[in-house]
PDB file of N, CA and C in Angstrom:
ATOM      1  N   UNK A   1       6.252  57.705  12.449  1.00  0.00           N
ATOM      2  CA  UNK A   1       6.745  57.424  11.109  1.00  0.00           C
ATOM      3  C   UNK A   1       5.632  56.755  10.303  1.00  0.00           C
ATOM      4  N   UNK A   2       5.479  57.168   9.099  1.00  0.00           N
ATOM      5  CA  UNK A   2       4.479  56.595   8.201  1.00  0.00           C
ATOM      6  C   UNK A   2       4.923  55.229   7.711  1.00  0.00           C
ATOM      7  N   UNK A   3       3.976  54.420   7.302  1.00  0.00           N
ATOM      8  CA  UNK A   3       4.284  53.043   6.899  1.00  0.00           C
ATOM      9  C   UNK A   3       5.210  52.996   5.688  1.00  0.00           C
ATOM     10  N   UNK A   4       4.954  53.828   4.657  1.00  0.00           N
ATOM     11  CA  UNK A   4       5.817  53.840   3.477  1.00  0.00           C
ATOM     12  C   UNK A   4       7.254  54.151   3.829  1.00  0.00           C
ATOM     13  N   UNK A   5       7.457  55.125   4.679  1.00  0.00           N
ATOM     14  CA  UNK A   5       8.808  55.491   5.116  1.00  0.00           C
ATOM     15  C   UNK A   5       9.434  54.341   5.892  1.00  0.00           C
ATOM     16  N   UNK A   6       8.663  53.725   6.763  1.00  0.00           N
ATOM     17  CA  UNK A   6       9.167  52.600   7.559  1.00  0.00           C
ATOM     18  C   UNK A   6       9.595  51.435   6.671  1.00  0.00           C
ATOM     19  N   UNK A   7       8.928  51.274   5.524  1.00  0.00           N
ATOM     20  CA  UNK A   7       9.262  50.194   4.594  1.00  0.00           C
ATOM     21  C   UNK A   7      10.398  50.572   3.647  1.00  0.00           C
ATOM     22  N   UNK A   8      10.842  51.826   3.694  1.00  0.00           N
ATOM     23  CA  UNK A   8      11.910  52.287   2.812  1.00  0.00           C
ATOM     24  C   UNK A   8      11.410  52.965   1.546  1.00  0.00           C
ATOM     25  N   UNK A   9      10.121  53.264   1.496  1.00  0.00           N
ATOM     26  CA  UNK A   9       9.511  53.906   0.325  1.00  0.00           C
ATOM     27  C   UNK A   9       8.671  55.100   0.790  1.00  0.00           C
ATOM     28  N   UNK A  10       9.321  56.215   1.144  1.00  0.00           N
ATOM     29  CA  UNK A  10       8.553  57.374   1.599  1.00  0.00           C
ATOM     30  C   UNK A  10       7.658  57.918   0.492  1.00  0.00           C
ATOM     31  N   UNK A  11       6.482  58.383   0.871  1.00  0.00           N
ATOM     32  CA  UNK A  11       5.523  58.869  -0.117  1.00  0.00           C
ATOM     33  C   UNK A  11       5.063  60.281   0.225  1.00  0.00           C
ATOM     34  N   UNK A  12       4.568  60.947  -0.800  1.00  0.00           N
ATOM     35  CA  UNK A  12       3.848  62.199  -0.638  1.00  0.00           C
ATOM     36  C   UNK A  12       2.389  61.837  -0.912  1.00  0.00           C
ATOM     37  N   UNK A  13       1.495  62.327  -0.076  1.00  0.00           N
ATOM     38  CA  UNK A  13       0.098  61.903  -0.141  1.00  0.00           C
ATOM     39  C   UNK A  13      -0.836  63.083  -0.352  1.00  0.00           C
ATOM     40  N   UNK A  14      -1.851  62.873  -1.199  1.00  0.00           N
ATOM     41  CA  UNK A  14      -2.910  63.867  -1.356  1.00  0.00           C
ATOM     42  C   UNK A  14      -4.246  63.136  -1.428  1.00  0.00           C
ATOM     43  N   UNK A  15      -5.287  63.831  -1.048  1.00  0.00           N
ATOM     44  CA  UNK A  15      -6.617  63.224  -1.107  1.00  0.00           C
ATOM     45  C   UNK A  15      -7.175  63.319  -2.526  1.00  0.00           C
ATOM     46  N   UNK A  16      -8.148  62.448  -2.821  1.00  0.00           N
ATOM     47  CA  UNK A  16      -8.811  62.458  -4.120  1.00  0.00           C
ATOM     48  C   UNK A  16     -10.248  62.015  -3.935  1.00  0.00           C
ATOM     49  N   UNK A  17     -11.067  62.285  -4.937  1.00  0.00           N
ATOM     50  CA  UNK A  17     -12.478  61.918  -4.828  1.00  0.00           C
ATOM     51  C   UNK A  17     -12.927  60.956  -5.926  1.00  0.00           C
ATOM     52  N   UNK A  18     -12.071  60.675  -6.893  1.00  0.00           N
ATOM     53  CA  UNK A  18     -12.432  59.800  -8.001  1.00  0.00           C
ATOM     54  C   UNK A  18     -12.565  58.344  -7.533  1.00  0.00           C
ATOM     55  N   UNK A  19     -13.122  57.535  -8.401  1.00  0.00           N
ATOM     56  CA  UNK A  19     -13.266  56.103  -8.135  1.00  0.00           C
ATOM     57  C   UNK A  19     -12.042  55.386  -8.696  1.00  0.00           C
ATOM     58  N   UNK A  20     -10.965  55.384  -7.921  1.00  0.00           N
ATOM     59  CA  UNK A  20      -9.689  54.789  -8.337  1.00  0.00           C
ATOM     60  C   UNK A  20      -9.198  53.822  -7.284  1.00  0.00           C
ATOM     61  N   UNK A  21      -8.474  52.799  -7.729  1.00  0.00           N
ATOM     62  CA  UNK A  21      -7.721  51.973  -6.800  1.00  0.00           C
ATOM     63  C   UNK A  21      -6.651  51.250  -7.592  1.00  0.00           C
ATOM     64  N   UNK A  22      -5.598  50.848  -6.918  1.00  0.00           N
ATOM     65  CA  UNK A  22      -4.512  50.136  -7.564  1.00  0.00           C
ATOM     66  C   UNK A  22      -3.241  50.952  -7.622  1.00  0.00           C
ATOM     67  N   UNK A  23      -2.272  50.429  -8.372  1.00  0.00           N
ATOM     68  CA  UNK A  23      -0.956  51.055  -8.502  1.00  0.00           C
ATOM     69  C   UNK A  23      -0.799  51.572  -9.926  1.00  0.00           C
ATOM     70  N   UNK A  24      -0.298  52.795 -10.046  1.00  0.00           N
ATOM     71  CA  UNK A  24      -0.178  53.469 -11.329  1.00  0.00           C
ATOM     72  C   UNK A  24       1.237  53.989 -11.565  1.00  0.00           C
ATOM     73  N   UNK A  25       1.620  54.056 -12.847  1.00  0.00           N
ATOM     74  CA  UNK A  25       2.791  54.820 -13.266  1.00  0.00           C
ATOM     75  C   UNK A  25       2.315  56.252 -13.403  1.00  0.00           C
ATOM     76  N   UNK A  26       3.093  57.194 -12.912  1.00  0.00           N
ATOM     77  CA  UNK A  26       2.656  58.576 -13.007  1.00  0.00           C
ATOM     78  C   UNK A  26       3.783  59.558 -12.815  1.00  0.00           C
ATOM     79  N   UNK A  27       3.389  60.811 -12.722  1.00  0.00           N
ATOM     80  CA  UNK A  27       4.338  61.899 -12.510  1.00  0.00           C
ATOM     81  C   UNK A  27       3.796  62.810 -11.420  1.00  0.00           C
ATOM     82  N   UNK A  28       4.729  63.365 -10.655  1.00  0.00           N
ATOM     83  CA  UNK A  28       4.380  64.310  -9.608  1.00  0.00           C
ATOM     84  C   UNK A  28       5.134  65.598  -9.879  1.00  0.00           C
ATOM     85  N   UNK A  29       4.403  66.709  -9.919  1.00  0.00           N
ATOM     86  CA  UNK A  29       5.013  68.024 -10.095  1.00  0.00           C
ATOM     87  C   UNK A  29       4.949  68.766  -8.772  1.00  0.00           C
ATOM     88  N   UNK A  30       6.105  69.337  -8.391  1.00  0.00           N
ATOM     89  CA  UNK A  30       6.198  70.104  -7.150  1.00  0.00           C
ATOM     90  C   UNK A  30       7.384  71.050  -7.254  1.00  0.00           C
ATOM     91  N   UNK A  31       7.194  72.244  -6.799  1.00  0.00           N
ATOM     92  CA  UNK A  31       8.267  73.237  -6.750  1.00  0.00           C
ATOM     93  C   UNK A  31       8.971  73.401  -8.096  1.00  0.00           C
ATOM     94  N   UNK A  32       8.194  73.388  -9.181  1.00  0.00           N
ATOM     95  CA  UNK A  32       8.746  73.629 -10.507  1.00  0.00           C
ATOM     96  C   UNK A  32       9.453  72.451 -11.145  1.00  0.00           C
ATOM     97  N   UNK A  33       9.411  71.293 -10.523  1.00  0.00           N
ATOM     98  CA  UNK A  33      10.059  70.091 -11.063  1.00  0.00           C
ATOM     99  C   UNK A  33       9.047  68.967 -11.184  1.00  0.00           C
ATOM    100  N   UNK A  34       9.302  68.072 -12.153  1.00  0.00           N
ATOM    101  CA  UNK A  34       8.439  66.909 -12.340  1.00  0.00           C
ATOM    102  C   UNK A  34       9.260  65.651 -12.092  1.00  0.00           C
ATOM    103  N   UNK A  35       8.682  64.733 -11.336  1.00  0.00           N
ATOM    104  CA  UNK A  35       9.354  63.488 -10.949  1.00  0.00           C
ATOM    105  C   UNK A  35       8.513  62.294 -11.388  1.00  0.00           C
ATOM    106  N   UNK A  36       9.172  61.250 -11.865  1.00  0.00           N
ATOM    107  CA  UNK A  36       8.478  59.985 -12.121  1.00  0.00           C
ATOM    108  C   UNK A  36       8.089  59.396 -10.772  1.00  0.00           C
ATOM    109  N   UNK A  37       6.980  58.658 -10.768  1.00  0.00           N
ATOM    110  CA  UNK A  37       6.504  58.127  -9.494  1.00  0.00           C
ATOM    111  C   UNK A  37       5.692  56.856  -9.682  1.00  0.00           C
ATOM    112  N   UNK A  38       5.759  56.002  -8.666  1.00  0.00           N
ATOM    113  CA  UNK A  38       4.839  54.879  -8.515  1.00  0.00           C
ATOM    114  C   UNK A  38       3.778  55.369  -7.546  1.00  0.00           C
ATOM    115  N   UNK A  39       2.510  55.253  -7.944  1.00  0.00           N
ATOM    116  CA  UNK A  39       1.430  55.874  -7.178  1.00  0.00           C
ATOM    117  C   UNK A  39       0.388  54.824  -6.807  1.00  0.00           C
ATOM    118  N   UNK A  40       0.076  54.764  -5.524  1.00  0.00           N
ATOM    119  CA  UNK A  40      -0.951  53.862  -5.035  1.00  0.00           C
ATOM    120  C   UNK A  40      -2.212  54.664  -4.756  1.00  0.00           C
ATOM    121  N   UNK A  41      -3.302  54.292  -5.403  1.00  0.00           N
ATOM    122  CA  UNK A  41      -4.600  54.910  -5.156  1.00  0.00           C
ATOM    123  C   UNK A  41      -5.311  54.078  -4.102  1.00  0.00           C
ATOM    124  N   UNK A  42      -5.380  54.600  -2.905  1.00  0.00           N
ATOM    125  CA  UNK A  42      -6.006  53.918  -1.780  1.00  0.00           C
ATOM    126  C   UNK A  42      -7.480  54.328  -1.733  1.00  0.00           C
ATOM    127  N   UNK A  43      -8.325  53.520  -2.350  1.00  0.00           N
ATOM    128  CA  UNK A  43      -9.754  53.844  -2.473  1.00  0.00           C
ATOM    129  C   UNK A  43     -10.423  53.955  -1.108  1.00  0.00           C
ATOM    130  N   UNK A  44     -10.050  53.113  -0.195  1.00  0.00           N
ATOM    131  CA  UNK A  44     -10.677  53.115   1.129  1.00  0.00           C
ATOM    132  C   UNK A  44     -10.422  54.426   1.868  1.00  0.00           C
ATOM    133  N   UNK A  45      -9.191  54.914   1.825  1.00  0.00           N
ATOM    134  CA  UNK A  45      -8.831  56.149   2.521  1.00  0.00           C
ATOM    135  C   UNK A  45      -8.946  57.385   1.633  1.00  0.00           C
ATOM    136  N   UNK A  46      -9.209  57.171   0.306  1.00  0.00           N
ATOM    137  CA  UNK A  46      -9.304  58.277  -0.665  1.00  0.00           C
ATOM    138  C   UNK A  46      -8.024  59.107  -0.677  1.00  0.00           C
ATOM    139  N   UNK A  47      -6.879  58.394  -0.711  1.00  0.00           N
ATOM    140  CA  UNK A  47      -5.570  59.043  -0.727  1.00  0.00           C
ATOM    141  C   UNK A  47      -4.738  58.473  -1.864  1.00  0.00           C
ATOM    142  N   UNK A  48      -4.052  59.368  -2.595  1.00  0.00           N
ATOM    143  CA  UNK A  48      -3.020  58.959  -3.552  1.00  0.00           C
ATOM    144  C   UNK A  48      -1.697  59.032  -2.813  1.00  0.00           C
ATOM    145  N   UNK A  49      -0.962  57.913  -2.802  1.00  0.00           N
ATOM    146  CA  UNK A  49       0.336  57.836  -2.141  1.00  0.00           C
ATOM    147  C   UNK A  49       1.388  57.681  -3.229  1.00  0.00           C
ATOM    148  N   UNK A  50       2.209  58.706  -3.431  1.00  0.00           N
ATOM    149  CA  UNK A  50       3.176  58.714  -4.532  1.00  0.00           C
ATOM    150  C   UNK A  50       4.600  58.577  -4.019  1.00  0.00           C
ATOM    151  N   UNK A  51       5.308  57.558  -4.536  1.00  0.00           N
ATOM    152  CA  UNK A  51       6.727  57.382  -4.254  1.00  0.00           C
ATOM    153  C   UNK A  51       7.488  57.998  -5.417  1.00  0.00           C
ATOM    154  N   UNK A  52       8.182  59.102  -5.156  1.00  0.00           N
ATOM    155  CA  UNK A  52       8.920  59.822  -6.192  1.00  0.00           C
ATOM    156  C   UNK A  52      10.286  59.197  -6.386  1.00  0.00           C
ATOM    157  N   UNK A  53      10.637  58.922  -7.628  1.00  0.00           N
ATOM    158  CA  UNK A  53      11.927  58.311  -7.933  1.00  0.00           C
ATOM    159  C   UNK A  53      13.043  59.342  -7.773  1.00  0.00           C
ATOM    160  N   UNK A  54      14.135  58.892  -7.186  1.00  0.00           N
ATOM    161  CA  UNK A  54      15.351  59.702  -7.086  1.00  0.00           C
ATOM    162  C   UNK A  54      15.086  61.076  -6.477  1.00  0.00           C
ATOM    163  N   UNK A  55      14.252  61.119  -5.462  1.00  0.00           N
ATOM    164  CA  UNK A  55      13.917  62.382  -4.807  1.00  0.00           C
ATOM    165  C   UNK A  55      14.342  62.345  -3.348  1.00  0.00           C
ATOM    166  N   UNK A  56      15.069  63.356  -2.959  1.00  0.00           N
ATOM    167  CA  UNK A  56      15.406  63.552  -1.548  1.00  0.00           C
ATOM    168  C   UNK A  56      14.911  64.938  -1.178  1.00  0.00           C
ATOM    169  N   UNK A  57      14.066  65.013  -0.210  1.00  0.00           N
ATOM    170  CA  UNK A  57      13.547  66.312   0.189  1.00  0.00           C
ATOM    171  C   UNK A  57      12.278  66.143   0.979  1.00  0.00           C
ATOM    172  N   UNK A  58      11.671  67.272   1.288  1.00  0.00           N
ATOM    173  CA  UNK A  58      10.453  67.281   2.082  1.00  0.00           C
ATOM    174  C   UNK A  58       9.424  68.145   1.376  1.00  0.00           C
ATOM    175  N   UNK A  59       8.322  67.546   0.981  1.00  0.00           N
ATOM    176  CA  UNK A  59       7.255  68.281   0.315  1.00  0.00           C
ATOM    177  C   UNK A  59       6.062  68.508   1.235  1.00  0.00           C
ATOM    178  N   UNK A  60       6.234  68.236   2.509  1.00  0.00           N
ATOM    179  CA  UNK A  60       5.139  68.397   3.457  1.00  0.00           C
ATOM    180  C   UNK A  60       4.633  69.835   3.412  1.00  0.00           C
ATOM    181  N   UNK A  61       3.326  69.975   3.207  1.00  0.00           N
ATOM    182  CA  UNK A  61       2.709  71.293   3.166  1.00  0.00           C
ATOM    183  C   UNK A  61       2.865  72.025   1.845  1.00  0.00           C
ATOM    184  N   UNK A  62       3.549  71.413   0.877  1.00  0.00           N
ATOM    185  CA  UNK A  62       3.749  72.033  -0.441  1.00  0.00           C
ATOM    186  C   UNK A  62       2.629  71.635  -1.385  1.00  0.00           C
ATOM    187  N   UNK A  63       2.391  72.469  -2.379  1.00  0.00           N
ATOM    188  CA  UNK A  63       1.393  72.152  -3.392  1.00  0.00           C
ATOM    189  C   UNK A  63       2.013  71.197  -4.405  1.00  0.00           C
ATOM    190  N   UNK A  64       1.311  70.107  -4.681  1.00  0.00           N
ATOM    191  CA  UNK A  64       1.782  69.130  -5.669  1.00  0.00           C
ATOM    192  C   UNK A  64       0.654  68.796  -6.635  1.00  0.00           C
ATOM    193  N   UNK A  65       1.048  68.314  -7.797  1.00  0.00           N
ATOM    194  CA  UNK A  65       0.099  67.818  -8.788  1.00  0.00           C
ATOM    195  C   UNK A  65       0.505  66.400  -9.145  1.00  0.00           C
ATOM    196  N   UNK A  66      -0.454  65.499  -9.169  1.00  0.00           N
ATOM    197  CA  UNK A  66      -0.182  64.107  -9.516  1.00  0.00           C
ATOM    198  C   UNK A  66      -0.914  63.767 -10.806  1.00  0.00           C
ATOM    199  N   UNK A  67      -0.176  63.199 -11.762  1.00  0.00           N
ATOM    200  CA  UNK A  67      -0.744  62.721 -13.027  1.00  0.00           C
ATOM    201  C   UNK A  67      -0.634  61.209 -13.067  1.00  0.00           C
ATOM    202  N   UNK A  68      -1.745  60.538 -13.312  1.00  0.00           N
ATOM    203  CA  UNK A  68      -1.732  59.082 -13.481  1.00  0.00           C
ATOM    204  C   UNK A  68      -1.621  58.777 -14.970  1.00  0.00           C
ATOM    205  N   UNK A  69      -0.690  57.887 -15.338  1.00  0.00           N
ATOM    206  CA  UNK A  69      -0.476  57.559 -16.746  1.00  0.00           C
ATOM    207  C   UNK A  69      -0.979  56.162 -17.119  1.00  0.00           C
ATOM    208  N   UNK A  70      -0.606  55.154 -16.345  1.00  0.00           N
ATOM    209  CA  UNK A  70      -0.981  53.782 -16.686  1.00  0.00           C
ATOM    210  C   UNK A  70      -1.136  52.961 -15.413  1.00  0.00           C
ATOM    211  N   UNK A  71      -2.203  52.172 -15.357  1.00  0.00           N
ATOM    212  CA  UNK A  71      -2.398  51.282 -14.219  1.00  0.00           C
ATOM    213  C   UNK A  71      -1.436  50.112 -14.342  1.00  0.00           C
ATOM    214  N   UNK A  72      -0.703  49.848 -13.277  1.00  0.00           N
ATOM    215  CA  UNK A  72       0.293  48.772 -13.250  1.00  0.00           C
ATOM    216  C   UNK A  72      -0.322  47.476 -12.715  1.00  0.00           C
ATOM    217  N   UNK A  73      -1.121  47.600 -11.655  1.00  0.00           N
ATOM    218  CA  UNK A  73      -1.785  46.423 -11.081  1.00  0.00           C
ATOM    219  C   UNK A  73      -2.918  46.859 -10.172  1.00  0.00           C
ATOM    220  N   UNK A  74      -3.760  45.895  -9.831  1.00  0.00           N
ATOM    221  CA  UNK A  74      -4.838  46.124  -8.877  1.00  0.00           C
ATOM    222  C   UNK A  74      -4.248  46.212  -7.465  1.00  0.00           C
ATOM    223  N   UNK A  75      -4.988  46.792  -6.567  1.00  0.00           N
ATOM    224  CA  UNK A  75      -4.591  46.822  -5.158  1.00  0.00           C
ATOM    225  C   UNK A  75      -4.591  45.394  -4.634  1.00  0.00           C
ATOM    226  N   UNK A  76      -3.719  45.123  -3.681  1.00  0.00           N
ATOM    227  CA  UNK A  76      -3.634  43.780  -3.123  1.00  0.00           C
ATOM    228  C   UNK A  76      -3.604  43.811  -1.611  1.00  0.00           C
ATOM    229  N   UNK A  77      -3.766  42.650  -1.036  1.00  0.00           N
ATOM    230  CA  UNK A  77      -3.653  42.484   0.406  1.00  0.00           C
ATOM    231  C   UNK A  77      -2.409  41.665   0.655  1.00  0.00           C
ATOM    232  N   UNK A  78      -1.539  42.152   1.532  1.00  0.00           N
ATOM    233  CA  UNK A  78      -0.265  41.489   1.794  1.00  0.00           C
ATOM    234  C   UNK A  78      -0.225  41.028   3.239  1.00  0.00           C
ATOM    235  N   UNK A  79       0.238  39.807   3.426  1.00  0.00           N
ATOM    236  CA  UNK A  79       0.223  39.196   4.751  1.00  0.00           C
ATOM    237  C   UNK A  79       1.349  39.676   5.654  1.00  0.00           C
ATOM    238  N   UNK A  80       2.411  40.241   5.063  1.00  0.00           N
ATOM    239  CA  UNK A  80       3.518  40.726   5.878  1.00  0.00           C
ATOM    240  C   UNK A  80       4.274  41.826   5.128  1.00  0.00           C
ATOM    241  N   UNK A  81       5.104  42.552   5.862  1.00  0.00           N
ATOM    242  CA  UNK A  81       5.834  43.677   5.287  1.00  0.00           C
ATOM    243  C   UNK A  81       6.830  43.252   4.206  1.00  0.00           C
ATOM    244  N   UNK A  82       7.455  42.111   4.366  1.00  0.00           N
ATOM    245  CA  UNK A  82       8.438  41.667   3.363  1.00  0.00           C
ATOM    246  C   UNK A  82       7.778  41.412   2.013  1.00  0.00           C
ATOM    247  N   UNK A  83       6.633  40.784   2.017  1.00  0.00           N
ATOM    248  CA  UNK A  83       5.896  40.535   0.778  1.00  0.00           C
ATOM    249  C   UNK A  83       5.479  41.856   0.136  1.00  0.00           C
ATOM    250  N   UNK A  84       5.035  42.803   0.953  1.00  0.00           N
ATOM    251  CA  UNK A  84       4.655  44.126   0.455  1.00  0.00           C
ATOM    252  C   UNK A  84       5.866  44.842  -0.144  1.00  0.00           C
ATOM    253  N   UNK A  85       7.028  44.783   0.512  1.00  0.00           N
ATOM    254  CA  UNK A  85       8.233  45.431  -0.004  1.00  0.00           C
ATOM    255  C   UNK A  85       8.647  44.859  -1.351  1.00  0.00           C
ATOM    256  N   UNK A  86       8.527  43.553  -1.526  1.00  0.00           N
ATOM    257  CA  UNK A  86       8.838  42.919  -2.808  1.00  0.00           C
ATOM    258  C   UNK A  86       7.872  43.416  -3.883  1.00  0.00           C
ATOM    259  N   UNK A  87       6.597  43.519  -3.548  1.00  0.00           N
ATOM    260  CA  UNK A  87       5.602  44.007  -4.511  1.00  0.00           C
ATOM    261  C   UNK A  87       5.872  45.453  -4.898  1.00  0.00           C
ATOM    262  N   UNK A  88       6.209  46.299  -3.916  1.00  0.00           N
ATOM    263  CA  UNK A  88       6.505  47.707  -4.205  1.00  0.00           C
ATOM    264  C   UNK A  88       7.728  47.823  -5.103  1.00  0.00           C
ATOM    265  N   UNK A  89       8.773  47.057  -4.811  1.00  0.00           N
ATOM    266  CA  UNK A  89       9.981  47.087  -5.647  1.00  0.00           C
ATOM    267  C   UNK A  89       9.652  46.664  -7.079  1.00  0.00           C
ATOM    268  N   UNK A  90       8.801  45.673  -7.238  1.00  0.00           N
ATOM    269  CA  UNK A  90       8.371  45.235  -8.570  1.00  0.00           C
ATOM    270  C   UNK A  90       7.572  46.327  -9.268  1.00  0.00           C
ATOM    271  N   UNK A  91       6.688  46.991  -8.531  1.00  0.00           N
ATOM    272  CA  UNK A  91       5.908  48.097  -9.097  1.00  0.00           C
ATOM    273  C   UNK A  91       6.829  49.199  -9.596  1.00  0.00           C
ATOM    274  N   UNK A  92       7.828  49.548  -8.794  1.00  0.00           N
ATOM    275  CA  UNK A  92       8.774  50.604  -9.173  1.00  0.00           C
ATOM    276  C   UNK A  92       9.499  50.228 -10.453  1.00  0.00           C
ATOM    277  N   UNK A  93       9.931  48.982 -10.564  1.00  0.00           N
ATOM    278  CA  UNK A  93      10.610  48.524 -11.776  1.00  0.00           C
ATOM    279  C   UNK A  93       9.686  48.628 -12.991  1.00  0.00           C
ATOM    280  N   UNK A  94       8.442  48.247 -12.841  1.00  0.00           N
ATOM    281  CA  UNK A  94       7.483  48.320 -13.948  1.00  0.00           C
ATOM    282  C   UNK A  94       7.230  49.770 -14.369  1.00  0.00           C
ATOM    283  N   UNK A  95       7.162  50.670 -13.398  1.00  0.00           N
ATOM    284  CA  UNK A  95       6.972  52.085 -13.724  1.00  0.00           C
ATOM    285  C   UNK A  95       8.193  52.624 -14.464  1.00  0.00           C
ATOM    286  N   UNK A  96       9.397  52.275 -14.001  1.00  0.00           N
ATOM    287  CA  UNK A  96      10.617  52.706 -14.701  1.00  0.00           C
ATOM    288  C   UNK A  96      10.619  52.195 -16.139  1.00  0.00           C
ATOM    289  N   UNK A  97      10.233  50.945 -16.324  1.00  0.00           N
ATOM    290  CA  UNK A  97      10.169  50.371 -17.682  1.00  0.00           C
ATOM    291  C   UNK A  97       9.136  51.102 -18.534  1.00  0.00           C
ATOM    292  N   UNK A  98       8.005  51.448 -17.960  1.00  0.00           N
ATOM    293  CA  UNK A  98       6.971  52.165 -18.700  1.00  0.00           C
ATOM    294  C   UNK A  98       7.497  53.502 -19.234  1.00  0.00           C
ATOM    295  N   UNK A  99       8.271  54.204 -18.421  1.00  0.00           N
ATOM    296  CA  UNK A  99       8.778  55.515 -18.835  1.00  0.00           C
ATOM    297  C   UNK A  99      10.109  55.454 -19.577  1.00  0.00           C
ATOM    298  N   UNK A 100      10.701  54.252 -19.717  1.00  0.00           N
ATOM    299  CA  UNK A 100      11.970  54.125 -20.450  1.00  0.00           C
ATOM    300  C   UNK A 100      11.738  54.340 -21.952  1.00  0.00           C
ATOM    301  N   UNK A 101      12.702  54.998 -22.594  1.00  0.00           N
ATOM    302  CA  UNK A 101      12.545  55.204 -24.058  1.00  0.00           C
ATOM    303  C   UNK A 101      12.658  53.912 -24.826  1.00  0.00           C
TER     304      UNK A 101
END
């Protein structure tokens, strides 16, 4: 099981080559649909990890497109899973607020 899933925030991941890091508000397009997402740019691993809002399904092996809209915060180091879960929940709320009319 992946760490995001274990924490209750399953992600879809793709590699990237840009110089990015931190948490972003964004959108993920897959299978003809677009989903709002909180996206973590993991500079060390060169992976974008996107948590899609209100999505149930499996995109493993599917083609996806990720759009970054606004940086929410810098990447952080968390001493335990509970602190990380609180930060992720806060990030999700900020992304929802960003996309709210």
